[in-house]
Amino acid sequence: MLLLVLGLVLFFGAHSLPMARPAWRTQAIARAGEGPYQLGYALVSMLGMVLMVLGYGAARADNPVLVYQPPVWLRHVSLLLMLPVFTLVLAAYLPGPIQRALKHPMLIGVLLWALAHLLANGTLADLLLFGLFLVWSVAELFSLMRRQAPVVQAAPPSKWNSPIALLAGLTIYVAFILFLHQWLIGVPLVG
């Protein structure tokens, strides 16, 4: 569990600092330069992600602490909530009608992903991991109402971007349902 917590602190520390102290990012870039700042940010984020994944896997394998037992029907609700998630994440990098309508589709996708997993899983590790992603995504959405959103490297705007995001997102969703979730996470979603 310690690896999971350390990973969460590193990952969300890096991702929350600009939200908590908007001027900090600008000051850090002014001191170190854009390249070194981006490299440091990426390294801290990746280290946090690796520790989260390893820590979550270990917490699931080593005598998980059950906090609540979700009813079976919530798993169906979770699958439904996951339906738009991959499309929303892709739409963040494919500017088009989806991105214009939702402003921050990736954050909405992360929010739905976290909520879906909280509904389907009830261990302490699940609450820490998915609960923190849920709280962070809501806080970030509110934060972006009062500050400038960072510029995201994305594809050029096109009328095809949203249909591509939709088709690719649904394809990834089906692949996760059929085999990717079991292959990557070790938990089958069907069968």
Protein backbone atom coordinates (compact mmCIF):
# COMPACT_ATOMS: atom_id res chain seq x y z
CA MET A 1 0.00 0.00 0.00
CA LEU A 2 2.97 2.31 0.63
CA LEU A 3 3.96 2.20 -3.07
CA LEU A 4 0.41 3.12 -4.07
CA VAL A 5 0.31 6.08 -1.67
CA LEU A 6 3.75 7.28 -2.74
CA GLY A 7 2.73 7.04 -6.40
CA LEU A 8 -0.48 8.97 -5.72
CA VAL A 9 1.44 11.72 -3.90
CA LEU A 10 3.97 12.11 -6.73
CA PHE A 11 1.44 11.92 -9.58
CA PHE A 12 -1.20 14.16 -8.05
CA GLY A 13 1.38 16.48 -6.53
CA ALA A 14 2.74 17.19 -10.01
CA HIS A 15 -0.75 17.48 -11.51
CA SER A 16 -2.25 19.58 -8.69
CA LEU A 17 0.47 22.17 -8.21
CA PRO A 18 -0.63 24.26 -11.21
CA MET A 19 -4.20 24.11 -9.89
CA ALA A 20 -3.27 25.11 -6.35
CA ARG A 21 -0.65 27.69 -7.34
CA PRO A 22 -1.24 28.79 -10.95
CA ALA A 23 1.73 31.18 -11.02
CA TRP A 24 4.15 28.45 -9.91
CA ARG A 25 4.31 26.82 -13.37
CA THR A 26 5.11 30.12 -15.07
CA GLN A 27 7.77 30.92 -12.47
CA ALA A 28 9.32 27.44 -12.77
CA ILE A 29 9.49 27.75 -16.57
CA ALA A 30 11.04 31.23 -16.24
CA ARG A 31 13.72 29.85 -13.89
CA ALA A 32 14.52 26.53 -15.58
CA GLY A 33 13.21 26.92 -19.13
CA GLU A 34 10.36 25.14 -20.91
CA GLY A 35 12.32 21.99 -21.82
CA PRO A 36 13.76 21.24 -18.37
CA TYR A 37 10.39 22.01 -16.73
CA GLN A 38 8.55 19.64 -19.09
CA LEU A 39 11.18 16.93 -18.56
CA GLY A 40 11.00 17.21 -14.77
CA TYR A 41 7.20 17.25 -14.83
CA ALA A 42 7.12 14.19 -17.11
CA LEU A 43 9.63 12.26 -15.00
CA VAL A 44 7.81 12.94 -11.71
CA SER A 45 4.46 12.06 -13.33
CA MET A 46 5.79 8.85 -14.89
CA LEU A 47 7.47 7.76 -11.64
CA GLY A 48 4.20 8.44 -9.82
CA MET A 49 2.25 6.44 -12.43
CA VAL A 50 4.66 3.48 -12.24
CA LEU A 51 4.50 3.45 -8.43
CA MET A 52 0.68 3.72 -8.56
CA VAL A 53 0.40 0.76 -10.93
CA LEU A 54 2.85 -1.39 -8.96
CA GLY A 55 1.33 -0.37 -5.63
CA TYR A 56 -2.24 -0.96 -6.77
CA GLY A 57 -1.32 -4.37 -8.18
CA ALA A 58 0.44 -5.33 -4.95
CA ALA A 59 -2.49 -4.09 -2.83
CA ARG A 60 -4.90 -6.20 -4.90
CA ALA A 61 -2.68 -9.28 -4.62
CA ASP A 62 -1.75 -8.96 -0.93
CA ASN A 63 -4.80 -9.52 1.22
CA PRO A 64 -6.98 -6.61 -0.02
CA VAL A 65 -8.96 -4.70 2.60
CA LEU A 66 -12.64 -4.78 1.64
CA VAL A 67 -14.44 -1.54 2.55
CA TYR A 68 -17.74 -2.31 0.82
CA GLN A 69 -19.17 -5.03 -1.41
CA PRO A 70 -20.85 -3.46 -4.44
CA PRO A 71 -24.00 -5.18 -5.68
CA VAL A 72 -23.62 -7.00 -9.00
CA TRP A 73 -25.96 -4.61 -10.83
CA LEU A 74 -23.52 -1.73 -10.24
CA ARG A 75 -21.05 -3.50 -12.53
CA HIS A 76 -23.54 -3.04 -15.36
CA VAL A 77 -23.85 0.65 -14.49
CA SER A 78 -20.05 0.84 -14.53
CA LEU A 79 -19.88 -0.64 -18.02
CA LEU A 80 -22.40 1.94 -19.18
CA LEU A 81 -20.46 4.81 -17.58
CA MET A 82 -17.29 3.60 -19.31
CA LEU A 83 -18.90 3.75 -22.77
CA PRO A 84 -17.89 7.38 -23.58
CA VAL A 85 -14.58 7.41 -21.66
CA PHE A 86 -12.14 6.51 -24.46
CA THR A 87 -13.94 8.80 -26.91
CA LEU A 88 -13.67 11.68 -24.44
CA VAL A 89 -9.96 11.12 -23.83
CA LEU A 90 -9.29 11.00 -27.58
CA ALA A 91 -11.44 14.09 -28.16
CA ALA A 92 -9.07 16.06 -25.93
CA TYR A 93 -6.37 15.59 -28.59
CA LEU A 94 -8.65 15.72 -31.63
CA PRO A 95 -10.20 19.23 -31.64
CA GLY A 96 -13.74 19.18 -32.97
CA PRO A 97 -17.38 19.42 -31.89
CA ILE A 98 -16.93 17.10 -28.88
CA GLN A 99 -14.09 19.20 -27.51
CA ARG A 100 -15.89 22.49 -28.23
CA ALA A 101 -19.07 21.29 -26.51
CA LEU A 102 -17.42 19.85 -23.40
CA LYS A 103 -14.36 22.17 -23.10
CA HIS A 104 -12.37 19.57 -21.10
CA PRO A 105 -13.37 16.13 -22.40
CA MET A 106 -10.37 14.33 -20.88
CA LEU A 107 -11.24 15.47 -17.37
CA ILE A 108 -14.84 14.38 -17.88
CA GLY A 109 -13.55 11.02 -19.17
CA VAL A 110 -11.29 10.61 -16.11
CA LEU A 111 -14.21 11.53 -13.83
CA LEU A 112 -16.46 8.88 -15.46
CA TRP A 113 -13.64 6.27 -15.43
CA ALA A 114 -13.00 6.83 -11.72
CA LEU A 115 -16.70 6.82 -10.81
CA ALA A 116 -17.30 3.63 -12.79
CA HIS A 117 -14.46 1.86 -11.01
CA LEU A 118 -15.61 3.07 -7.58
CA LEU A 119 -19.06 1.64 -8.27
CA ALA A 120 -17.67 -1.75 -9.28
CA ASN A 121 -14.85 -2.16 -6.72
CA GLY A 122 -14.83 -1.74 -2.98
CA THR A 123 -11.34 -2.31 -1.58
CA LEU A 124 -9.27 0.28 0.24
CA ALA A 125 -6.83 0.42 -2.70
CA ASP A 126 -9.77 1.10 -5.06
CA LEU A 127 -11.02 3.90 -2.85
CA LEU A 128 -7.58 5.49 -2.69
CA LEU A 129 -6.79 5.19 -6.40
CA PHE A 130 -10.13 5.84 -8.06
CA GLY A 131 -11.41 8.13 -5.30
CA LEU A 132 -8.43 10.42 -5.66
CA PHE A 133 -8.77 10.48 -9.46
CA LEU A 134 -12.46 11.39 -9.03
CA VAL A 135 -11.80 14.16 -6.51
CA TRP A 136 -8.89 15.52 -8.56
CA SER A 137 -10.85 15.61 -11.83
CA VAL A 138 -13.76 17.48 -10.20
CA ALA A 139 -11.36 19.92 -8.51
CA GLU A 140 -9.49 20.46 -11.78
CA LEU A 141 -12.75 21.13 -13.67
CA PHE A 142 -13.72 23.78 -11.10
CA SER A 143 -10.19 25.19 -11.12
CA LEU A 144 -10.27 25.62 -14.89
CA MET A 145 -13.33 27.86 -14.50
CA ARG A 146 -11.12 30.50 -12.88
CA ARG A 147 -7.77 30.02 -14.62
CA GLN A 148 -6.41 29.58 -18.12
CA ALA A 149 -6.27 25.98 -19.31
CA PRO A 150 -2.79 24.85 -20.32
CA VAL A 151 -2.14 24.45 -24.03
CA VAL A 152 -2.30 20.79 -25.08
CA GLN A 153 -0.44 19.48 -28.11
CA ALA A 154 -3.21 18.24 -30.36
CA ALA A 155 -4.04 17.39 -33.95
CA PRO A 156 -5.10 20.26 -36.19
CA PRO A 157 -8.85 21.05 -35.97
CA SER A 158 -10.91 19.07 -38.47
CA LYS A 159 -14.51 18.11 -39.08
CA TRP A 160 -13.30 14.49 -38.99
CA ASN A 161 -11.73 14.63 -35.53
CA SER A 162 -14.91 13.97 -33.55
CA PRO A 163 -16.05 11.05 -35.76
CA ILE A 164 -12.52 9.61 -35.50
CA ALA A 165 -12.56 10.02 -31.70
CA LEU A 166 -15.99 8.38 -31.53
CA LEU A 167 -15.12 5.41 -33.74
CA ALA A 168 -11.70 4.85 -32.18
CA GLY A 169 -13.08 5.32 -28.66
CA LEU A 170 -15.86 2.78 -29.19
CA THR A 171 -13.40 0.34 -30.76
CA ILE A 172 -11.08 0.62 -27.75
CA TYR A 173 -14.07 0.25 -25.41
CA VAL A 174 -15.15 -3.00 -27.12
CA ALA A 175 -11.55 -4.28 -27.07
CA PHE A 176 -11.36 -3.57 -23.32
CA ILE A 177 -14.65 -5.37 -22.71
CA LEU A 178 -13.64 -8.42 -24.75
CA PHE A 179 -9.97 -8.91 -23.82
CA LEU A 180 -7.80 -5.86 -23.04
CA HIS A 181 -8.99 -5.37 -19.46
CA GLN A 182 -8.21 -9.00 -18.63
CA TRP A 183 -4.88 -8.88 -20.46
CA LEU A 184 -3.72 -5.59 -18.90
CA ILE A 185 -5.38 -5.70 -15.46
CA GLY A 186 -6.01 -9.41 -14.97
CA VAL A 187 -9.75 -8.97 -14.41
CA PRO A 188 -12.18 -10.25 -17.07
CA LEU A 189 -15.21 -8.05 -17.74
CA VAL A 190 -17.28 -10.67 -19.54
CA GLY A 191 -17.65 -14.41 -19.19
